């Protein structure tokens, strides 16, 4: 009997947690890359080129992921892409 109460209680908390996470994600703003001179379909090609460039760039610190990400962002911005946030 005690096990049944625990399962019911855990299921209720699980549903409540799922509902809270859903509501939190609905309120999160969305972001996407835009370029005033290129169509959105060109982003995939530019992103791939920047990914290759970032992988070949030397790292300036022991944190490869941070260097890689910063190089990737700088490349995209250099190609005219801007990250916009929408509510």
PDB file of N, CA and C in Angstrom:
ATOM      1  N   UNK A   1       0.816  -1.187   0.000  1.00  0.00           N
ATOM      2  CA  UNK A   1       0.000   0.000   0.000  1.00  0.00           C
ATOM      3  C   UNK A   1       0.862   1.255   0.000  1.00  0.00           C
ATOM      4  N   UNK A   2       1.925   1.246   0.786  1.00  0.00           N
ATOM      5  CA  UNK A   2       2.807   2.401   0.864  1.00  0.00           C
ATOM      6  C   UNK A   2       3.456   2.670  -0.488  1.00  0.00           C
ATOM      7  N   UNK A   3       3.838   1.623  -1.215  1.00  0.00           N
ATOM      8  CA  UNK A   3       4.472   1.749  -2.526  1.00  0.00           C
ATOM      9  C   UNK A   3       3.518   2.414  -3.515  1.00  0.00           C
ATOM     10  N   UNK A   4       2.247   2.098  -3.464  1.00  0.00           N
ATOM     11  CA  UNK A   4       1.248   2.668  -4.368  1.00  0.00           C
ATOM     12  C   UNK A   4       1.117   4.170  -4.140  1.00  0.00           C
ATOM     13  N   UNK A   5       1.114   4.594  -2.882  1.00  0.00           N
ATOM     14  CA  UNK A   5       1.032   6.030  -2.588  1.00  0.00           C
ATOM     15  C   UNK A   5       2.248   6.770  -3.131  1.00  0.00           C
ATOM     16  N   UNK A   6       3.415   6.165  -2.975  1.00  0.00           N
ATOM     17  CA  UNK A   6       4.640   6.791  -3.462  1.00  0.00           C
ATOM     18  C   UNK A   6       4.595   6.943  -4.978  1.00  0.00           C
ATOM     19  N   UNK A   7       4.162   5.914  -5.685  1.00  0.00           N
ATOM     20  CA  UNK A   7       4.090   5.967  -7.142  1.00  0.00           C
ATOM     21  C   UNK A   7       3.112   7.041  -7.578  1.00  0.00           C
ATOM     22  N   UNK A   8       1.966   7.138  -6.936  1.00  0.00           N
ATOM     23  CA  UNK A   8       0.970   8.159  -7.275  1.00  0.00           C
ATOM     24  C   UNK A   8       1.524   9.555  -6.994  1.00  0.00           C
ATOM     25  N   UNK A   9       2.171   9.725  -5.843  1.00  0.00           N
ATOM     26  CA  UNK A   9       2.737  11.008  -5.472  1.00  0.00           C
ATOM     27  C   UNK A   9       3.852  11.419  -6.449  1.00  0.00           C
ATOM     28  N   UNK A  10       4.713  10.466  -6.802  1.00  0.00           N
ATOM     29  CA  UNK A  10       5.803  10.744  -7.744  1.00  0.00           C
ATOM     30  C   UNK A  10       5.252  11.093  -9.117  1.00  0.00           C
ATOM     31  N   UNK A  11       4.197  10.425  -9.540  1.00  0.00           N
ATOM     32  CA  UNK A  11       3.595  10.711 -10.839  1.00  0.00           C
ATOM     33  C   UNK A  11       3.008  12.127 -10.852  1.00  0.00           C
ATOM     34  N   UNK A  12       2.369  12.532  -9.761  1.00  0.00           N
ATOM     35  CA  UNK A  12       1.814  13.893  -9.675  1.00  0.00           C
ATOM     36  C   UNK A  12       2.925  14.939  -9.765  1.00  0.00           C
ATOM     37  N   UNK A  13       4.028  14.712  -9.029  1.00  0.00           N
ATOM     38  CA  UNK A  13       5.139  15.651  -9.081  1.00  0.00           C
ATOM     39  C   UNK A  13       5.774  15.675 -10.465  1.00  0.00           C
ATOM     40  N   UNK A  14       5.844  14.528 -11.117  1.00  0.00           N
ATOM     41  CA  UNK A  14       6.386  14.460 -12.472  1.00  0.00           C
ATOM     42  C   UNK A  14       5.533  15.254 -13.452  1.00  0.00           C
ATOM     43  N   UNK A  15       4.216  15.129 -13.327  1.00  0.00           N
ATOM     44  CA  UNK A  15       3.318  15.900 -14.200  1.00  0.00           C
ATOM     45  C   UNK A  15       3.447  17.393 -13.935  1.00  0.00           C
ATOM     46  N   UNK A  16       3.529  17.756 -12.653  1.00  0.00           N
ATOM     47  CA  UNK A  16       3.673  19.166 -12.298  1.00  0.00           C
ATOM     48  C   UNK A  16       4.989  19.732 -12.830  1.00  0.00           C
ATOM     49  N   UNK A  17       6.058  18.977 -12.701  1.00  0.00           N
ATOM     50  CA  UNK A  17       7.352  19.412 -13.210  1.00  0.00           C
ATOM     51  C   UNK A  17       7.305  19.567 -14.729  1.00  0.00           C
ATOM     52  N   UNK A  18       6.691  18.612 -15.420  1.00  0.00           N
ATOM     53  CA  UNK A  18       6.551  18.703 -16.876  1.00  0.00           C
ATOM     54  C   UNK A  18       5.763  19.930 -17.291  1.00  0.00           C
ATOM     55  N   UNK A  19       4.702  20.233 -16.583  1.00  0.00           N
ATOM     56  CA  UNK A  19       3.894  21.412 -16.876  1.00  0.00           C
ATOM     57  C   UNK A  19       4.700  22.692 -16.658  1.00  0.00           C
ATOM     58  N   UNK A  20       5.447  22.747 -15.564  1.00  0.00           N
ATOM     59  CA  UNK A  20       6.273  23.938 -15.286  1.00  0.00           C
ATOM     60  C   UNK A  20       7.338  24.140 -16.356  1.00  0.00           C
ATOM     61  N   UNK A  21       7.977  23.061 -16.785  1.00  0.00           N
ATOM     62  CA  UNK A  21       9.006  23.168 -17.825  1.00  0.00           C
ATOM     63  C   UNK A  21       8.394  23.643 -19.140  1.00  0.00           C
ATOM     64  N   UNK A  22       7.221  23.142 -19.471  1.00  0.00           N
ATOM     65  CA  UNK A  22       6.553  23.560 -20.702  1.00  0.00           C
ATOM     66  C   UNK A  22       6.228  25.037 -20.656  1.00  0.00           C
ATOM     67  N   UNK A  23       5.686  25.494 -19.536  1.00  0.00           N
ATOM     68  CA  UNK A  23       5.349  26.913 -19.403  1.00  0.00           C
ATOM     69  C   UNK A  23       6.600  27.794 -19.443  1.00  0.00           C
ATOM     70  N   UNK A  24       7.688  27.312 -18.865  1.00  0.00           N
ATOM     71  CA  UNK A  24       8.937  28.083 -18.881  1.00  0.00           C
ATOM     72  C   UNK A  24       9.483  28.197 -20.301  1.00  0.00           C
ATOM     73  N   UNK A  25       9.404  27.121 -21.068  1.00  0.00           N
ATOM     74  CA  UNK A  25       9.919  27.157 -22.434  1.00  0.00           C
ATOM     75  C   UNK A  25       9.051  28.006 -23.351  1.00  0.00           C
ATOM     76  N   UNK A  26       7.769  28.058 -23.091  1.00  0.00           N
ATOM     77  CA  UNK A  26       6.887  28.898 -23.898  1.00  0.00           C
ATOM     78  C   UNK A  26       7.266  30.361 -23.723  1.00  0.00           C
ATOM     79  N   UNK A  27       7.677  30.738 -22.526  1.00  0.00           N
ATOM     80  CA  UNK A  27       8.037  32.117 -22.251  1.00  0.00           C
ATOM     81  C   UNK A  27       9.419  32.504 -22.733  1.00  0.00           C
ATOM     82  N   UNK A  28      10.232  31.554 -23.171  1.00  0.00           N
ATOM     83  CA  UNK A  28      11.585  31.847 -23.620  1.00  0.00           C
ATOM     84  C   UNK A  28      11.560  32.526 -24.992  1.00  0.00           C
ATOM     85  N   UNK A  29      12.345  33.567 -25.143  1.00  0.00           N
ATOM     86  CA  UNK A  29      12.409  34.206 -26.461  1.00  0.00           C
ATOM     87  C   UNK A  29      13.158  33.324 -27.454  1.00  0.00           C
ATOM     88  N   UNK A  30      12.808  33.442 -28.707  1.00  0.00           N
ATOM     89  CA  UNK A  30      13.504  32.663 -29.730  1.00  0.00           C
ATOM     90  C   UNK A  30      14.563  33.533 -30.398  1.00  0.00           C
ATOM     91  N   UNK A  31      15.611  32.903 -30.868  1.00  0.00           N
ATOM     92  CA  UNK A  31      16.677  33.620 -31.564  1.00  0.00           C
ATOM     93  C   UNK A  31      16.910  32.957 -32.912  1.00  0.00           C
ATOM     94  N   UNK A  32      17.274  33.767 -33.878  1.00  0.00           N
ATOM     95  CA  UNK A  32      17.653  33.233 -35.184  1.00  0.00           C
ATOM     96  C   UNK A  32      18.577  34.219 -35.879  1.00  0.00           C
ATOM     97  N   UNK A  33      19.326  33.703 -36.836  1.00  0.00           N
ATOM     98  CA  UNK A  33      20.279  34.514 -37.576  1.00  0.00           C
ATOM     99  C   UNK A  33      19.590  35.177 -38.763  1.00  0.00           C
ATOM    100  N   UNK A  34      19.871  36.452 -38.955  1.00  0.00           N
ATOM    101  CA  UNK A  34      19.334  37.183 -40.105  1.00  0.00           C
ATOM    102  C   UNK A  34      20.472  37.913 -40.804  1.00  0.00           C
ATOM    103  N   UNK A  35      20.289  38.150 -42.092  1.00  0.00           N
ATOM    104  CA  UNK A  35      21.254  38.898 -42.888  1.00  0.00           C
ATOM    105  C   UNK A  35      20.457  39.809 -43.810  1.00  0.00           C
ATOM    106  N   UNK A  36      20.723  41.113 -43.775  1.00  0.00           N
ATOM    107  CA  UNK A  36      19.942  42.037 -44.600  1.00  0.00           C
ATOM    108  C   UNK A  36      20.173  41.882 -46.099  1.00  0.00           C
ATOM    109  N   UNK A  37      21.269  41.214 -46.498  1.00  0.00           N
ATOM    110  CA  UNK A  37      21.569  41.118 -47.927  1.00  0.00           C
ATOM    111  C   UNK A  37      21.445  39.705 -48.494  1.00  0.00           C
ATOM    112  N   UNK A  38      21.165  38.706 -47.630  1.00  0.00           N
ATOM    113  CA  UNK A  38      21.092  37.319 -48.098  1.00  0.00           C
ATOM    114  C   UNK A  38      19.779  36.692 -47.649  1.00  0.00           C
ATOM    115  N   UNK A  39      19.276  35.733 -48.434  1.00  0.00           N
ATOM    116  CA  UNK A  39      18.079  35.015 -47.992  1.00  0.00           C
ATOM    117  C   UNK A  39      18.419  34.059 -46.850  1.00  0.00           C
ATOM    118  N   UNK A  40      17.432  33.687 -46.069  1.00  0.00           N
ATOM    119  CA  UNK A  40      17.670  32.796 -44.927  1.00  0.00           C
ATOM    120  C   UNK A  40      18.190  31.428 -45.369  1.00  0.00           C
ATOM    121  N   UNK A  41      17.928  31.048 -46.604  1.00  0.00           N
ATOM    122  CA  UNK A  41      18.417  29.762 -47.103  1.00  0.00           C
ATOM    123  C   UNK A  41      19.934  29.747 -47.278  1.00  0.00           C
ATOM    124  N   UNK A  42      20.554  30.906 -47.338  1.00  0.00           N
ATOM    125  CA  UNK A  42      22.011  30.987 -47.497  1.00  0.00           C
ATOM    126  C   UNK A  42      22.745  30.759 -46.174  1.00  0.00           C
ATOM    127  N   UNK A  43      22.002  30.748 -45.069  1.00  0.00           N
ATOM    128  CA  UNK A  43      22.649  30.594 -43.766  1.00  0.00           C
ATOM    129  C   UNK A  43      23.365  29.255 -43.643  1.00  0.00           C
ATOM    130  N   UNK A  44      22.761  28.187 -44.114  1.00  0.00           N
ATOM    131  CA  UNK A  44      23.369  26.853 -43.972  1.00  0.00           C
ATOM    132  C   UNK A  44      24.736  26.792 -44.646  1.00  0.00           C
ATOM    133  N   UNK A  45      24.854  27.382 -45.830  1.00  0.00           N
ATOM    134  CA  UNK A  45      26.144  27.373 -46.530  1.00  0.00           C
ATOM    135  C   UNK A  45      27.185  28.199 -45.781  1.00  0.00           C
ATOM    136  N   UNK A  46      26.789  29.387 -45.336  1.00  0.00           N
ATOM    137  CA  UNK A  46      27.722  30.237 -44.591  1.00  0.00           C
ATOM    138  C   UNK A  46      28.100  29.599 -43.255  1.00  0.00           C
ATOM    139  N   UNK A  47      27.133  28.975 -42.595  1.00  0.00           N
ATOM    140  CA  UNK A  47      27.416  28.329 -41.311  1.00  0.00           C
ATOM    141  C   UNK A  47      28.408  27.184 -41.484  1.00  0.00           C
ATOM    142  N   UNK A  48      28.256  26.416 -42.548  1.00  0.00           N
ATOM    143  CA  UNK A  48      29.181  25.310 -42.800  1.00  0.00           C
ATOM    144  C   UNK A  48      30.582  25.833 -43.097  1.00  0.00           C
ATOM    145  N   UNK A  49      30.677  26.893 -43.893  1.00  0.00           N
ATOM    146  CA  UNK A  49      31.980  27.477 -44.195  1.00  0.00           C
ATOM    147  C   UNK A  49      32.635  28.013 -42.929  1.00  0.00           C
ATOM    148  N   UNK A  50      31.852  28.624 -42.061  1.00  0.00           N
ATOM    149  CA  UNK A  50      32.391  29.153 -40.808  1.00  0.00           C
ATOM    150  C   UNK A  50      32.795  28.032 -39.859  1.00  0.00           C
ATOM    151  N   UNK A  51      32.072  26.921 -39.885  1.00  0.00           N
ATOM    152  CA  UNK A  51      32.427  25.780 -39.061  1.00  0.00           C
ATOM    153  C   UNK A  51      33.784  25.220 -39.481  1.00  0.00           C
ATOM    154  N   UNK A  52      33.993  25.103 -40.777  1.00  0.00           N
ATOM    155  CA  UNK A  52      35.276  24.615 -41.289  1.00  0.00           C
ATOM    156  C   UNK A  52      36.393  25.584 -40.909  1.00  0.00           C
ATOM    157  N   UNK A  53      36.128  26.876 -41.066  1.00  0.00           N
ATOM    158  CA  UNK A  53      37.130  27.889 -40.710  1.00  0.00           C
ATOM    159  C   UNK A  53      37.462  27.829 -39.227  1.00  0.00           C
ATOM    160  N   UNK A  54      36.451  27.653 -38.392  1.00  0.00           N
ATOM    161  CA  UNK A  54      36.669  27.614 -36.948  1.00  0.00           C
ATOM    162  C   UNK A  54      37.470  26.373 -36.545  1.00  0.00           C
ATOM    163  N   UNK A  55      37.237  25.264 -37.221  1.00  0.00           N
ATOM    164  CA  UNK A  55      37.980  24.044 -36.898  1.00  0.00           C
ATOM    165  C   UNK A  55      39.458  24.167 -37.263  1.00  0.00           C
ATOM    166  N   UNK A  56      39.775  24.973 -38.268  1.00  0.00           N
ATOM    167  CA  UNK A  56      41.153  25.122 -38.719  1.00  0.00           C
ATOM    168  C   UNK A  56      41.892  26.241 -37.996  1.00  0.00           C
ATOM    169  N   UNK A  57      41.161  27.090 -37.298  1.00  0.00           N
ATOM    170  CA  UNK A  57      41.785  28.225 -36.617  1.00  0.00           C
ATOM    171  C   UNK A  57      42.581  27.744 -35.403  1.00  0.00           C
ATOM    172  N   UNK A  58      43.733  28.345 -35.169  1.00  0.00           N
ATOM    173  CA  UNK A  58      44.502  27.971 -33.977  1.00  0.00           C
ATOM    174  C   UNK A  58      43.787  28.466 -32.718  1.00  0.00           C
ATOM    175  N   UNK A  59      43.964  27.739 -31.633  1.00  0.00           N
ATOM    176  CA  UNK A  59      43.355  28.150 -30.369  1.00  0.00           C
ATOM    177  C   UNK A  59      44.312  29.049 -29.608  1.00  0.00           C
ATOM    178  N   UNK A  60      43.746  30.043 -28.929  1.00  0.00           N
ATOM    179  CA  UNK A  60      44.585  30.974 -28.174  1.00  0.00           C
ATOM    180  C   UNK A  60      44.608  30.632 -26.690  1.00  0.00           C
ATOM    181  N   UNK A  61      43.810  29.670 -26.292  1.00  0.00           N
ATOM    182  CA  UNK A  61      43.804  29.244 -24.895  1.00  0.00           C
ATOM    183  C   UNK A  61      43.645  27.725 -24.849  1.00  0.00           C
ATOM    184  N   UNK A  62      43.598  27.200 -23.647  1.00  0.00           N
ATOM    185  CA  UNK A  62      43.428  25.766 -23.486  1.00  0.00           C
ATOM    186  C   UNK A  62      41.964  25.335 -23.639  1.00  0.00           C
ATOM    187  N   UNK A  63      41.087  26.315 -23.807  1.00  0.00           N
ATOM    188  CA  UNK A  63      39.663  26.018 -23.923  1.00  0.00           C
ATOM    189  C   UNK A  63      39.291  26.028 -25.398  1.00  0.00           C
ATOM    190  N   UNK A  64      39.425  24.866 -26.046  1.00  0.00           N
ATOM    191  CA  UNK A  64      39.189  24.770 -27.486  1.00  0.00           C
ATOM    192  C   UNK A  64      37.755  25.123 -27.840  1.00  0.00           C
ATOM    193  N   UNK A  65      36.778  24.650 -27.081  1.00  0.00           N
ATOM    194  CA  UNK A  65      35.380  24.897 -27.414  1.00  0.00           C
ATOM    195  C   UNK A  65      35.052  26.380 -27.428  1.00  0.00           C
ATOM    196  N   UNK A  66      35.564  27.129 -26.467  1.00  0.00           N
ATOM    197  CA  UNK A  66      35.299  28.564 -26.418  1.00  0.00           C
ATOM    198  C   UNK A  66      35.953  29.263 -27.604  1.00  0.00           C
ATOM    199  N   UNK A  67      37.185  28.910 -27.920  1.00  0.00           N
ATOM    200  CA  UNK A  67      37.862  29.502 -29.076  1.00  0.00           C
ATOM    201  C   UNK A  67      37.136  29.159 -30.364  1.00  0.00           C
ATOM    202  N   UNK A  68      36.742  27.908 -30.489  1.00  0.00           N
ATOM    203  CA  UNK A  68      36.030  27.448 -31.679  1.00  0.00           C
ATOM    204  C   UNK A  68      34.725  28.217 -31.850  1.00  0.00           C
ATOM    205  N   UNK A  69      33.957  28.347 -30.779  1.00  0.00           N
ATOM    206  CA  UNK A  69      32.669  29.039 -30.830  1.00  0.00           C
ATOM    207  C   UNK A  69      32.851  30.518 -31.163  1.00  0.00           C
ATOM    208  N   UNK A  70      33.827  31.163 -30.535  1.00  0.00           N
ATOM    209  CA  UNK A  70      34.065  32.586 -30.802  1.00  0.00           C
ATOM    210  C   UNK A  70      34.503  32.818 -32.253  1.00  0.00           C
ATOM    211  N   UNK A  71      35.333  31.938 -32.786  1.00  0.00           N
ATOM    212  CA  UNK A  71      35.759  32.042 -34.179  1.00  0.00           C
ATOM    213  C   UNK A  71      34.567  31.844 -35.114  1.00  0.00           C
ATOM    214  N   UNK A  72      33.717  30.886 -34.785  1.00  0.00           N
ATOM    215  CA  UNK A  72      32.515  30.611 -35.572  1.00  0.00           C
ATOM    216  C   UNK A  72      31.591  31.835 -35.597  1.00  0.00           C
ATOM    217  N   UNK A  73      31.359  32.431 -34.431  1.00  0.00           N
ATOM    218  CA  UNK A  73      30.498  33.617 -34.356  1.00  0.00           C
ATOM    219  C   UNK A  73      31.100  34.794 -35.116  1.00  0.00           C
ATOM    220  N   UNK A  74      32.404  34.999 -34.975  1.00  0.00           N
ATOM    221  CA  UNK A  74      33.066  36.096 -35.675  1.00  0.00           C
ATOM    222  C   UNK A  74      32.971  35.910 -37.185  1.00  0.00           C
ATOM    223  N   UNK A  75      33.091  34.681 -37.641  1.00  0.00           N
ATOM    224  CA  UNK A  75      32.990  34.391 -39.069  1.00  0.00           C
ATOM    225  C   UNK A  75      31.592  34.717 -39.582  1.00  0.00           C
ATOM    226  N   UNK A  76      30.566  34.260 -38.866  1.00  0.00           N
ATOM    227  CA  UNK A  76      29.189  34.541 -39.296  1.00  0.00           C
ATOM    228  C   UNK A  76      28.912  36.044 -39.320  1.00  0.00           C
ATOM    229  N   UNK A  77      29.381  36.731 -38.301  1.00  0.00           N
ATOM    230  CA  UNK A  77      29.171  38.181 -38.258  1.00  0.00           C
ATOM    231  C   UNK A  77      29.945  38.866 -39.377  1.00  0.00           C
ATOM    232  N   UNK A  78      31.104  38.336 -39.712  1.00  0.00           N
ATOM    233  CA  UNK A  78      31.887  38.877 -40.817  1.00  0.00           C
ATOM    234  C   UNK A  78      31.194  38.696 -42.157  1.00  0.00           C
ATOM    235  N   UNK A  79      30.346  37.684 -42.260  1.00  0.00           N
ATOM    236  CA  UNK A  79      29.589  37.445 -43.489  1.00  0.00           C
ATOM    237  C   UNK A  79      28.269  38.218 -43.495  1.00  0.00           C
ATOM    238  N   UNK A  80      28.051  39.033 -42.445  1.00  0.00           N
ATOM    239  CA  UNK A  80      26.853  39.887 -42.408  1.00  0.00           C
ATOM    240  C   UNK A  80      25.687  39.344 -41.610  1.00  0.00           C
ATOM    241  N   UNK A  81      25.836  38.186 -40.955  1.00  0.00           N
ATOM    242  CA  UNK A  81      24.752  37.602 -40.189  1.00  0.00           C
ATOM    243  C   UNK A  81      24.691  38.214 -38.804  1.00  0.00           C
ATOM    244  N   UNK A  82      23.479  38.446 -38.313  1.00  0.00           N
ATOM    245  CA  UNK A  82      23.257  38.996 -36.977  1.00  0.00           C
ATOM    246  C   UNK A  82      22.277  38.093 -36.244  1.00  0.00           C
ATOM    247  N   UNK A  83      22.536  37.864 -34.965  1.00  0.00           N
ATOM    248  CA  UNK A  83      21.657  37.037 -34.143  1.00  0.00           C
ATOM    249  C   UNK A  83      20.587  37.930 -33.544  1.00  0.00           C
ATOM    250  N   UNK A  84      19.330  37.687 -33.904  1.00  0.00           N
ATOM    251  CA  UNK A  84      18.215  38.489 -33.414  1.00  0.00           C
ATOM    252  C   UNK A  84      17.375  37.680 -32.449  1.00  0.00           C
ATOM    253  N   UNK A  85      16.893  38.363 -31.441  1.00  0.00           N
ATOM    254  CA  UNK A  85      16.067  37.725 -30.426  1.00  0.00           C
ATOM    255  C   UNK A  85      14.650  38.273 -30.533  1.00  0.00           C
ATOM    256  N   UNK A  86      13.683  37.358 -30.558  1.00  0.00           N
ATOM    257  CA  UNK A  86      12.289  37.744 -30.652  1.00  0.00           C
ATOM    258  C   UNK A  86      11.535  37.225 -29.434  1.00  0.00           C
ATOM    259  N   UNK A  87      10.698  38.065 -28.861  1.00  0.00           N
ATOM    260  CA  UNK A  87       9.952  37.635 -27.660  1.00  0.00           C
ATOM    261  C   UNK A  87       8.926  36.560 -27.951  1.00  0.00           C
TER     262      UNK A  87
END
